[in-house]
Amino acid sequence: MEKFPAHGLAVIRCDGALRRYDVFECLEATLSGPEDLQRRSVFLDLSGMTFTDVNFIDWVEVSQNLQDINDGADRAGVRIAIFAPGTLGFGVARMCQQLMELCGPYEFCVTRVRSVALAFLDLNDLPARPEPEARINAMLRRLTPVWRAAIAPGGGAPKSDGF
């Protein structure tokens, strides 16, 4: 998943198997944080999906989880474009759409054509790369392993004699 805060956009790409826990993790990461209340668009690319174990009962549970996330939240409408060129991805996306539209201010576009999904989000193409995160955690993730070890609990840079 990539986040583009200046665009109010999250991009999620699925390659390989889409598992039940992936769906829940993506929802949490995309829609549950305070900064995510400003999210206006989600582009979900299922073009690389080859397998899924997510069934209708799982989507019902996902919809309940979304209701819990949205309960009491002052969320603006979120447009979710799902690009699913394959039969499996398209079927999964339509099942997702049917239940999730009932859970909050979501508008869906499920399509087999990438340009249609982008147009639904008022985009010509996706941004080139994610914008840097503003949080200290993002900075720490980019630090070299030596620095990470030095700032870890119990870690530290070697000290020279006399200090």
N, C-alpha and C. Protein backbone atom coordinates (compact mmCIF):
# COMPACT_ATOMS: atom_id res chain seq x y z
N MET A 1 0.84 -1.17 0.00
CA MET A 1 0.00 0.00 0.00
C MET A 1 0.89 1.24 0.00
N GLU A 2 0.49 2.22 -0.77
CA GLU A 2 1.17 3.51 -0.82
C GLU A 2 0.15 4.59 -0.49
N LYS A 3 0.58 5.58 0.29
CA LYS A 3 -0.30 6.69 0.63
C LYS A 3 0.24 7.98 0.01
N PHE A 4 -0.68 8.78 -0.51
CA PHE A 4 -0.35 10.06 -1.10
C PHE A 4 -1.21 11.12 -0.40
N PRO A 5 -0.78 11.58 0.78
CA PRO A 5 -1.61 12.50 1.58
C PRO A 5 -2.03 13.77 0.86
N ALA A 6 -1.16 14.36 0.05
CA ALA A 6 -1.52 15.60 -0.63
C ALA A 6 -2.65 15.39 -1.62
N HIS A 7 -2.77 14.16 -2.13
CA HIS A 7 -3.83 13.83 -3.07
C HIS A 7 -5.05 13.22 -2.37
N GLY A 8 -4.94 12.93 -1.07
CA GLY A 8 -6.01 12.23 -0.37
C GLY A 8 -6.22 10.84 -0.93
N LEU A 9 -5.13 10.20 -1.36
CA LEU A 9 -5.19 8.95 -2.11
C LEU A 9 -4.39 7.85 -1.44
N ALA A 10 -4.95 6.64 -1.47
CA ALA A 10 -4.22 5.43 -1.09
C ALA A 10 -4.27 4.49 -2.29
N VAL A 11 -3.16 3.83 -2.57
CA VAL A 11 -3.08 2.87 -3.67
C VAL A 11 -2.71 1.53 -3.07
N ILE A 12 -3.54 0.53 -3.37
CA ILE A 12 -3.32 -0.82 -2.85
C ILE A 12 -3.19 -1.74 -4.06
N ARG A 13 -2.11 -2.51 -4.10
CA ARG A 13 -1.90 -3.46 -5.18
C ARG A 13 -1.86 -4.87 -4.61
N CYS A 14 -2.59 -5.76 -5.24
CA CYS A 14 -2.61 -7.16 -4.81
C CYS A 14 -1.89 -8.00 -5.86
N ASP A 15 -0.84 -8.66 -5.44
CA ASP A 15 -0.12 -9.59 -6.31
C ASP A 15 -0.15 -10.96 -5.65
N GLY A 16 -0.58 -11.95 -6.39
CA GLY A 16 -0.65 -13.30 -5.85
C GLY A 16 -1.95 -13.55 -5.11
N ALA A 17 -1.83 -14.18 -3.96
CA ALA A 17 -3.02 -14.57 -3.19
C ALA A 17 -3.54 -13.41 -2.34
N LEU A 18 -4.84 -13.22 -2.36
CA LEU A 18 -5.51 -12.28 -1.47
C LEU A 18 -6.10 -13.09 -0.33
N ARG A 19 -5.54 -12.92 0.84
CA ARG A 19 -5.98 -13.67 2.02
C ARG A 19 -6.89 -12.82 2.88
N ARG A 20 -7.65 -13.49 3.69
CA ARG A 20 -8.61 -12.82 4.59
C ARG A 20 -7.93 -11.76 5.44
N TYR A 21 -6.80 -12.11 6.04
CA TYR A 21 -6.10 -11.17 6.92
C TYR A 21 -5.57 -9.97 6.14
N ASP A 22 -5.24 -10.14 4.85
CA ASP A 22 -4.80 -9.00 4.02
C ASP A 22 -5.89 -7.95 3.94
N VAL A 23 -7.12 -8.40 3.75
CA VAL A 23 -8.25 -7.48 3.61
C VAL A 23 -8.40 -6.66 4.88
N PHE A 24 -8.38 -7.32 6.04
CA PHE A 24 -8.53 -6.60 7.30
C PHE A 24 -7.37 -5.63 7.54
N GLU A 25 -6.15 -6.06 7.25
CA GLU A 25 -4.99 -5.18 7.42
C GLU A 25 -5.08 -3.95 6.52
N CYS A 26 -5.50 -4.16 5.28
CA CYS A 26 -5.63 -3.02 4.35
C CYS A 26 -6.69 -2.04 4.83
N LEU A 27 -7.81 -2.54 5.32
CA LEU A 27 -8.85 -1.64 5.82
C LEU A 27 -8.34 -0.82 6.98
N GLU A 28 -7.69 -1.47 7.91
CA GLU A 28 -7.15 -0.76 9.07
C GLU A 28 -6.15 0.30 8.64
N ALA A 29 -5.25 -0.08 7.74
CA ALA A 29 -4.19 0.84 7.31
C ALA A 29 -4.73 1.98 6.45
N THR A 30 -5.82 1.74 5.74
CA THR A 30 -6.34 2.73 4.80
C THR A 30 -7.36 3.67 5.40
N LEU A 31 -8.19 3.18 6.31
CA LEU A 31 -9.35 3.95 6.72
C LEU A 31 -9.49 4.23 8.21
N SER A 32 -8.60 3.72 9.05
CA SER A 32 -8.88 3.81 10.48
C SER A 32 -8.13 4.89 11.25
N GLY A 33 -7.04 5.44 10.74
CA GLY A 33 -6.28 6.44 11.49
C GLY A 33 -6.88 7.82 11.40
N PRO A 34 -6.52 8.73 12.32
CA PRO A 34 -7.07 10.08 12.28
C PRO A 34 -6.78 10.81 10.97
N GLU A 35 -5.56 10.64 10.43
CA GLU A 35 -5.24 11.29 9.18
C GLU A 35 -6.02 10.67 8.02
N ASP A 36 -6.45 9.43 8.19
CA ASP A 36 -7.18 8.74 7.14
C ASP A 36 -8.63 9.22 7.02
N LEU A 37 -9.09 10.00 7.99
CA LEU A 37 -10.42 10.59 7.87
C LEU A 37 -10.47 11.59 6.73
N GLN A 38 -9.31 12.06 6.30
CA GLN A 38 -9.23 13.01 5.18
C GLN A 38 -9.09 12.30 3.84
N ARG A 39 -8.97 10.98 3.87
CA ARG A 39 -8.78 10.24 2.62
C ARG A 39 -10.03 10.35 1.77
N ARG A 40 -9.84 10.70 0.50
CA ARG A 40 -10.96 10.87 -0.42
C ARG A 40 -11.00 9.80 -1.50
N SER A 41 -9.86 9.15 -1.76
CA SER A 41 -9.79 8.21 -2.87
C SER A 41 -8.93 6.99 -2.53
N VAL A 42 -9.38 5.84 -3.02
CA VAL A 42 -8.61 4.60 -2.89
C VAL A 42 -8.61 3.93 -4.26
N PHE A 43 -7.42 3.60 -4.75
CA PHE A 43 -7.29 2.85 -5.99
C PHE A 43 -6.81 1.46 -5.62
N LEU A 44 -7.62 0.45 -5.89
CA LEU A 44 -7.29 -0.94 -5.56
C LEU A 44 -7.05 -1.68 -6.86
N ASP A 45 -5.82 -2.17 -7.04
CA ASP A 45 -5.41 -2.86 -8.26
C ASP A 45 -5.37 -4.36 -7.99
N LEU A 46 -6.34 -5.08 -8.54
CA LEU A 46 -6.40 -6.53 -8.39
C LEU A 46 -5.89 -7.26 -9.63
N SER A 47 -5.18 -6.56 -10.50
CA SER A 47 -4.72 -7.17 -11.74
C SER A 47 -3.74 -8.32 -11.51
N GLY A 48 -3.04 -8.31 -10.40
CA GLY A 48 -2.08 -9.37 -10.11
C GLY A 48 -2.61 -10.47 -9.21
N MET A 49 -3.89 -10.42 -8.86
CA MET A 49 -4.46 -11.42 -7.94
C MET A 49 -4.63 -12.76 -8.65
N THR A 50 -4.12 -13.82 -8.02
CA THR A 50 -4.21 -15.15 -8.61
C THR A 50 -5.06 -16.12 -7.79
N PHE A 51 -5.32 -15.79 -6.52
CA PHE A 51 -6.06 -16.69 -5.64
C PHE A 51 -6.65 -15.87 -4.50
N THR A 52 -7.76 -16.33 -3.97
CA THR A 52 -8.30 -15.72 -2.75
C THR A 52 -9.00 -16.77 -1.91
N ASP A 53 -8.93 -16.60 -0.60
CA ASP A 53 -9.70 -17.45 0.31
C ASP A 53 -10.78 -16.63 1.01
N VAL A 54 -11.04 -15.41 0.51
CA VAL A 54 -12.04 -14.53 1.10
C VAL A 54 -13.40 -14.93 0.53
N ASN A 55 -14.35 -15.23 1.42
CA ASN A 55 -15.68 -15.63 0.97
C ASN A 55 -16.73 -14.61 1.44
N PHE A 56 -17.97 -14.89 1.14
CA PHE A 56 -19.06 -13.96 1.45
C PHE A 56 -19.14 -13.66 2.96
N ILE A 57 -19.00 -14.69 3.78
CA ILE A 57 -19.05 -14.50 5.24
C ILE A 57 -17.93 -13.58 5.69
N ASP A 58 -16.75 -13.71 5.10
CA ASP A 58 -15.63 -12.81 5.42
C ASP A 58 -15.99 -11.37 5.08
N TRP A 59 -16.63 -11.15 3.91
CA TRP A 59 -17.01 -9.79 3.53
C TRP A 59 -18.06 -9.22 4.47
N VAL A 60 -18.94 -10.09 4.99
CA VAL A 60 -19.91 -9.62 5.99
C VAL A 60 -19.15 -9.13 7.23
N GLU A 61 -18.15 -9.89 7.65
CA GLU A 61 -17.33 -9.49 8.80
C GLU A 61 -16.56 -8.20 8.50
N VAL A 62 -16.05 -8.07 7.28
CA VAL A 62 -15.36 -6.85 6.87
C VAL A 62 -16.31 -5.66 6.96
N SER A 63 -17.53 -5.84 6.48
CA SER A 63 -18.50 -4.74 6.53
C SER A 63 -18.81 -4.34 7.96
N GLN A 64 -18.88 -5.30 8.88
CA GLN A 64 -19.10 -4.98 10.29
C GLN A 64 -17.91 -4.21 10.85
N ASN A 65 -16.71 -4.63 10.46
CA ASN A 65 -15.51 -3.93 10.90
C ASN A 65 -15.52 -2.49 10.39
N LEU A 66 -15.94 -2.28 9.15
CA LEU A 66 -16.05 -0.93 8.61
C LEU A 66 -17.07 -0.09 9.36
N GLN A 67 -18.17 -0.70 9.73
CA GLN A 67 -19.17 0.04 10.51
C GLN A 67 -18.57 0.48 11.83
N ASP A 68 -17.77 -0.40 12.45
CA ASP A 68 -17.11 -0.04 13.71
C ASP A 68 -16.12 1.09 13.50
N ILE A 69 -15.34 1.04 12.40
CA ILE A 69 -14.37 2.09 12.10
C ILE A 69 -15.07 3.42 11.91
N ASN A 70 -16.20 3.40 11.22
CA ASN A 70 -16.91 4.64 10.88
C ASN A 70 -17.84 5.13 11.98
N ASP A 71 -18.10 4.30 12.98
CA ASP A 71 -19.02 4.68 14.04
C ASP A 71 -18.50 5.92 14.78
N GLY A 72 -19.21 6.99 14.70
CA GLY A 72 -18.85 8.21 15.38
C GLY A 72 -17.80 9.05 14.67
N ALA A 73 -17.27 8.54 13.55
CA ALA A 73 -16.25 9.29 12.81
C ALA A 73 -16.94 10.27 11.87
N ASP A 74 -16.35 11.43 11.75
CA ASP A 74 -16.87 12.44 10.83
C ASP A 74 -16.08 12.32 9.53
N ARG A 75 -16.44 11.32 8.74
CA ARG A 75 -15.70 10.99 7.53
C ARG A 75 -16.38 11.59 6.31
N ALA A 76 -15.56 12.20 5.48
CA ALA A 76 -16.05 12.67 4.18
C ALA A 76 -16.23 11.46 3.27
N GLY A 77 -16.94 11.63 2.17
CA GLY A 77 -17.13 10.54 1.24
C GLY A 77 -15.82 10.03 0.68
N VAL A 78 -15.72 8.73 0.50
CA VAL A 78 -14.52 8.10 -0.04
C VAL A 78 -14.90 7.38 -1.32
N ARG A 79 -14.17 7.68 -2.38
CA ARG A 79 -14.39 7.00 -3.66
C ARG A 79 -13.37 5.87 -3.76
N ILE A 80 -13.86 4.67 -4.04
CA ILE A 80 -13.00 3.49 -4.13
C ILE A 80 -13.12 2.94 -5.55
N ALA A 81 -12.02 3.00 -6.28
CA ALA A 81 -11.97 2.45 -7.63
C ALA A 81 -11.22 1.14 -7.60
N ILE A 82 -11.85 0.08 -8.06
CA ILE A 82 -11.23 -1.23 -8.07
C ILE A 82 -11.01 -1.64 -9.52
N PHE A 83 -9.73 -1.79 -9.88
CA PHE A 83 -9.34 -2.26 -11.20
C PHE A 83 -9.13 -3.76 -11.11
N ALA A 84 -10.02 -4.51 -11.75
CA ALA A 84 -10.00 -5.97 -11.67
C ALA A 84 -10.24 -6.56 -13.05
N PRO A 85 -9.18 -6.69 -13.86
CA PRO A 85 -9.38 -7.17 -15.23
C PRO A 85 -9.73 -8.65 -15.34
N GLY A 86 -9.33 -9.45 -14.35
CA GLY A 86 -9.60 -10.89 -14.39
C GLY A 86 -10.94 -11.24 -13.79
N THR A 87 -11.42 -12.43 -14.14
CA THR A 87 -12.72 -12.90 -13.67
C THR A 87 -12.75 -13.05 -12.15
N LEU A 88 -11.72 -13.63 -11.57
CA LEU A 88 -11.67 -13.84 -10.12
C LEU A 88 -11.67 -12.50 -9.38
N GLY A 89 -10.80 -11.60 -9.77
CA GLY A 89 -10.73 -10.30 -9.12
C GLY A 89 -12.01 -9.51 -9.27
N PHE A 90 -12.61 -9.55 -10.45
CA PHE A 90 -13.84 -8.82 -10.69
C PHE A 90 -14.97 -9.35 -9.80
N GLY A 91 -15.08 -10.66 -9.69
CA GLY A 91 -16.11 -11.26 -8.83
C GLY A 91 -15.92 -10.89 -7.36
N VAL A 92 -14.68 -10.96 -6.89
CA VAL A 92 -14.38 -10.58 -5.51
C VAL A 92 -14.70 -9.11 -5.27
N ALA A 93 -14.34 -8.26 -6.23
CA ALA A 93 -14.57 -6.83 -6.09
C ALA A 93 -16.06 -6.51 -6.04
N ARG A 94 -16.86 -7.16 -6.85
CA ARG A 94 -18.31 -6.91 -6.84
C ARG A 94 -18.93 -7.37 -5.52
N MET A 95 -18.47 -8.48 -4.97
CA MET A 95 -18.97 -8.94 -3.68
C MET A 95 -18.61 -7.92 -2.60
N CYS A 96 -17.39 -7.44 -2.64
CA CYS A 96 -16.93 -6.42 -1.70
C CYS A 96 -17.80 -5.17 -1.82
N GLN A 97 -18.04 -4.72 -3.04
CA GLN A 97 -18.83 -3.52 -3.28
C GLN A 97 -20.23 -3.63 -2.69
N GLN A 98 -20.87 -4.76 -2.91
CA GLN A 98 -22.26 -4.93 -2.47
C GLN A 98 -22.41 -4.74 -0.96
N LEU A 99 -21.44 -5.20 -0.20
CA LEU A 99 -21.54 -5.10 1.26
C LEU A 99 -20.96 -3.80 1.81
N MET A 100 -19.87 -3.33 1.23
CA MET A 100 -19.20 -2.16 1.79
C MET A 100 -19.95 -0.86 1.53
N GLU A 101 -20.71 -0.80 0.46
CA GLU A 101 -21.48 0.41 0.19
C GLU A 101 -22.51 0.68 1.28
N LEU A 102 -22.89 -0.35 2.01
CA LEU A 102 -23.87 -0.21 3.09
C LEU A 102 -23.26 0.30 4.39
N CYS A 103 -21.92 0.37 4.45
CA CYS A 103 -21.23 0.59 5.72
C CYS A 103 -20.70 1.99 5.95
N GLY A 104 -20.88 2.87 5.04
CA GLY A 104 -20.33 4.19 5.23
C GLY A 104 -20.43 5.00 3.97
N PRO A 105 -19.81 6.14 3.98
CA PRO A 105 -19.89 7.04 2.82
C PRO A 105 -18.91 6.64 1.72
N TYR A 106 -19.15 5.48 1.11
CA TYR A 106 -18.27 4.96 0.07
C TYR A 106 -19.01 4.92 -1.26
N GLU A 107 -18.31 5.36 -2.29
CA GLU A 107 -18.78 5.20 -3.66
C GLU A 107 -17.81 4.27 -4.36
N PHE A 108 -18.33 3.31 -5.09
CA PHE A 108 -17.48 2.32 -5.74
C PHE A 108 -17.55 2.38 -7.25
N CYS A 109 -16.44 2.05 -7.85
CA CYS A 109 -16.37 1.77 -9.28
C CYS A 109 -15.57 0.48 -9.41
N VAL A 110 -16.20 -0.57 -9.88
CA VAL A 110 -15.52 -1.83 -10.14
C VAL A 110 -15.47 -1.98 -11.65
N THR A 111 -14.27 -2.07 -12.18
CA THR A 111 -14.13 -2.11 -13.63
C THR A 111 -12.96 -2.99 -14.04
N ARG A 112 -13.02 -3.46 -15.28
CA ARG A 112 -11.93 -4.24 -15.87
C ARG A 112 -10.96 -3.34 -16.63
N VAL A 113 -11.25 -2.03 -16.68
CA VAL A 113 -10.45 -1.08 -17.47
C VAL A 113 -9.78 -0.08 -16.53
N ARG A 114 -8.46 -0.06 -16.54
CA ARG A 114 -7.69 0.80 -15.63
C ARG A 114 -8.02 2.28 -15.81
N SER A 115 -8.11 2.75 -17.03
CA SER A 115 -8.38 4.16 -17.28
C SER A 115 -9.75 4.58 -16.76
N VAL A 116 -10.71 3.68 -16.76
CA VAL A 116 -12.04 3.97 -16.20
C VAL A 116 -11.95 4.14 -14.69
N ALA A 117 -11.18 3.25 -14.04
CA ALA A 117 -11.00 3.35 -12.59
C ALA A 117 -10.32 4.66 -12.22
N LEU A 118 -9.29 5.05 -12.97
CA LEU A 118 -8.59 6.30 -12.69
C LEU A 118 -9.50 7.50 -12.92
N ALA A 119 -10.28 7.48 -14.00
CA ALA A 119 -11.19 8.59 -14.30
C ALA A 119 -12.23 8.75 -13.20
N PHE A 120 -12.68 7.64 -12.60
CA PHE A 120 -13.63 7.70 -11.50
C PHE A 120 -13.07 8.50 -10.33
N LEU A 121 -11.74 8.45 -10.17
CA LEU A 121 -11.07 9.18 -9.09
C LEU A 121 -10.57 10.55 -9.56
N ASP A 122 -10.97 10.96 -10.75
CA ASP A 122 -10.54 12.22 -11.36
C ASP A 122 -9.02 12.27 -11.54
N LEU A 123 -8.45 11.14 -11.93
CA LEU A 123 -7.01 11.03 -12.18
C LEU A 123 -6.76 10.60 -13.62
N ASN A 124 -5.66 11.06 -14.19
CA ASN A 124 -5.22 10.56 -15.49
C ASN A 124 -4.27 9.38 -15.30
N ASP A 125 -3.51 9.43 -14.21
CA ASP A 125 -2.58 8.36 -13.86
C ASP A 125 -2.31 8.46 -12.36
N LEU A 126 -1.67 7.45 -11.82
CA LEU A 126 -1.31 7.47 -10.40
C LEU A 126 -0.07 8.31 -10.20
N PRO A 127 0.09 8.93 -9.04
CA PRO A 127 1.33 9.67 -8.76
C PRO A 127 2.54 8.74 -8.88
N ALA A 128 3.68 9.31 -9.22
CA ALA A 128 4.88 8.52 -9.48
C ALA A 128 5.35 7.71 -8.28
N ARG A 129 5.37 8.33 -7.13
CA ARG A 129 5.81 7.61 -5.93
C ARG A 129 5.18 8.25 -4.71
N PRO A 130 5.12 7.50 -3.61
CA PRO A 130 4.48 8.05 -2.41
C PRO A 130 5.20 9.28 -1.90
N GLU A 131 4.44 10.17 -1.32
CA GLU A 131 5.02 11.34 -0.69
C GLU A 131 5.64 10.91 0.63
N PRO A 132 6.69 11.58 1.05
CA PRO A 132 7.30 11.19 2.32
C PRO A 132 6.33 11.39 3.48
N GLU A 133 6.37 10.45 4.41
CA GLU A 133 5.53 10.58 5.59
C GLU A 133 6.10 11.66 6.50
N ALA A 134 5.23 12.36 7.20
CA ALA A 134 5.66 13.46 8.04
C ALA A 134 6.02 13.00 9.45
N ARG A 135 5.73 11.80 9.77
CA ARG A 135 5.93 11.33 11.14
C ARG A 135 7.37 10.90 11.42
N ILE A 136 7.71 10.90 12.68
CA ILE A 136 9.04 10.47 13.10
C ILE A 136 9.26 9.00 12.77
N ASN A 137 8.21 8.17 12.83
CA ASN A 137 8.35 6.76 12.51
C ASN A 137 8.80 6.55 11.08
N ALA A 138 8.32 7.36 10.17
CA ALA A 138 8.73 7.25 8.77
C ALA A 138 10.22 7.55 8.64
N MET A 139 10.68 8.55 9.37
CA MET A 139 12.10 8.90 9.33
C MET A 139 12.93 7.74 9.90
N LEU A 140 12.48 7.18 10.99
CA LEU A 140 13.22 6.09 11.61
C LEU A 140 13.31 4.86 10.70
N ARG A 141 12.25 4.59 9.94
CA ARG A 141 12.27 3.46 9.02
C ARG A 141 13.32 3.63 7.94
N ARG A 142 13.65 4.86 7.60
CA ARG A 142 14.61 5.12 6.54
C ARG A 142 16.06 5.13 7.03
N LEU A 143 16.26 5.12 8.32
CA LEU A 143 17.62 5.17 8.86
C LEU A 143 18.38 3.90 8.52
N THR A 144 19.68 4.00 8.46
CA THR A 144 20.52 2.84 8.17
C THR A 144 20.44 1.86 9.34
N PRO A 145 20.77 0.59 9.10
CA PRO A 145 20.73 -0.40 10.18
C PRO A 145 21.61 -0.04 11.37
N VAL A 146 22.76 0.62 11.13
CA VAL A 146 23.65 1.00 12.24
C VAL A 146 22.95 2.00 13.14
N TRP A 147 22.30 2.99 12.54
CA TRP A 147 21.59 3.98 13.34
C TRP A 147 20.40 3.35 14.05
N ARG A 148 19.70 2.44 13.36
CA ARG A 148 18.56 1.78 14.02
C ARG A 148 19.03 1.01 15.24
N ALA A 149 20.16 0.32 15.12
CA ALA A 149 20.70 -0.44 16.25
C ALA A 149 21.10 0.50 17.39
N ALA A 150 21.63 1.65 17.03
CA ALA A 150 22.09 2.60 18.04
C ALA A 150 20.94 3.21 18.83
N ILE A 151 19.80 3.38 18.20
CA ILE A 151 18.68 4.01 18.92
C ILE A 151 17.70 2.99 19.49
N ALA A 152 17.94 1.70 19.22
CA ALA A 152 17.06 0.66 19.76
C ALA A 152 17.25 0.57 21.26
N PRO A 153 16.22 0.13 21.99
CA PRO A 153 16.37 -0.06 23.44
C PRO A 153 17.52 -1.01 23.74
N GLY A 154 18.42 -0.56 24.60
CA GLY A 154 19.59 -1.35 24.96
C GLY A 154 20.72 -1.24 23.96
N GLY A 155 20.46 -0.56 22.85
CA GLY A 155 21.50 -0.39 21.83
C GLY A 155 22.31 0.85 22.14
N GLY A 156 23.19 1.15 21.30
CA GLY A 156 23.96 2.37 21.46
C GLY A 156 25.24 2.29 20.68
N ALA A 157 25.71 3.43 20.30
CA ALA A 157 26.96 3.49 19.55
C ALA A 157 28.10 3.21 20.50
N PRO A 158 29.15 2.57 20.02
CA PRO A 158 30.30 2.33 20.90
C PRO A 158 30.89 3.65 21.38
N LYS A 159 31.29 3.67 22.64
CA LYS A 159 31.84 4.89 23.22
C LYS A 159 33.36 4.78 23.27
N SER A 160 34.00 5.88 23.04
CA SER A 160 35.47 5.87 23.10
C SER A 160 35.89 6.00 24.55
N ASP A 161 37.15 5.62 24.81
CA ASP A 161 37.68 5.74 26.19
C ASP A 161 37.69 7.18 26.63
N GLY A 162 37.49 7.40 27.89
CA GLY A 162 37.56 8.73 28.45
C GLY A 162 36.20 9.44 28.54
N PHE A 163 35.13 8.78 28.14
CA PHE A 163 33.83 9.42 28.24
C PHE A 163 33.00 8.77 29.29
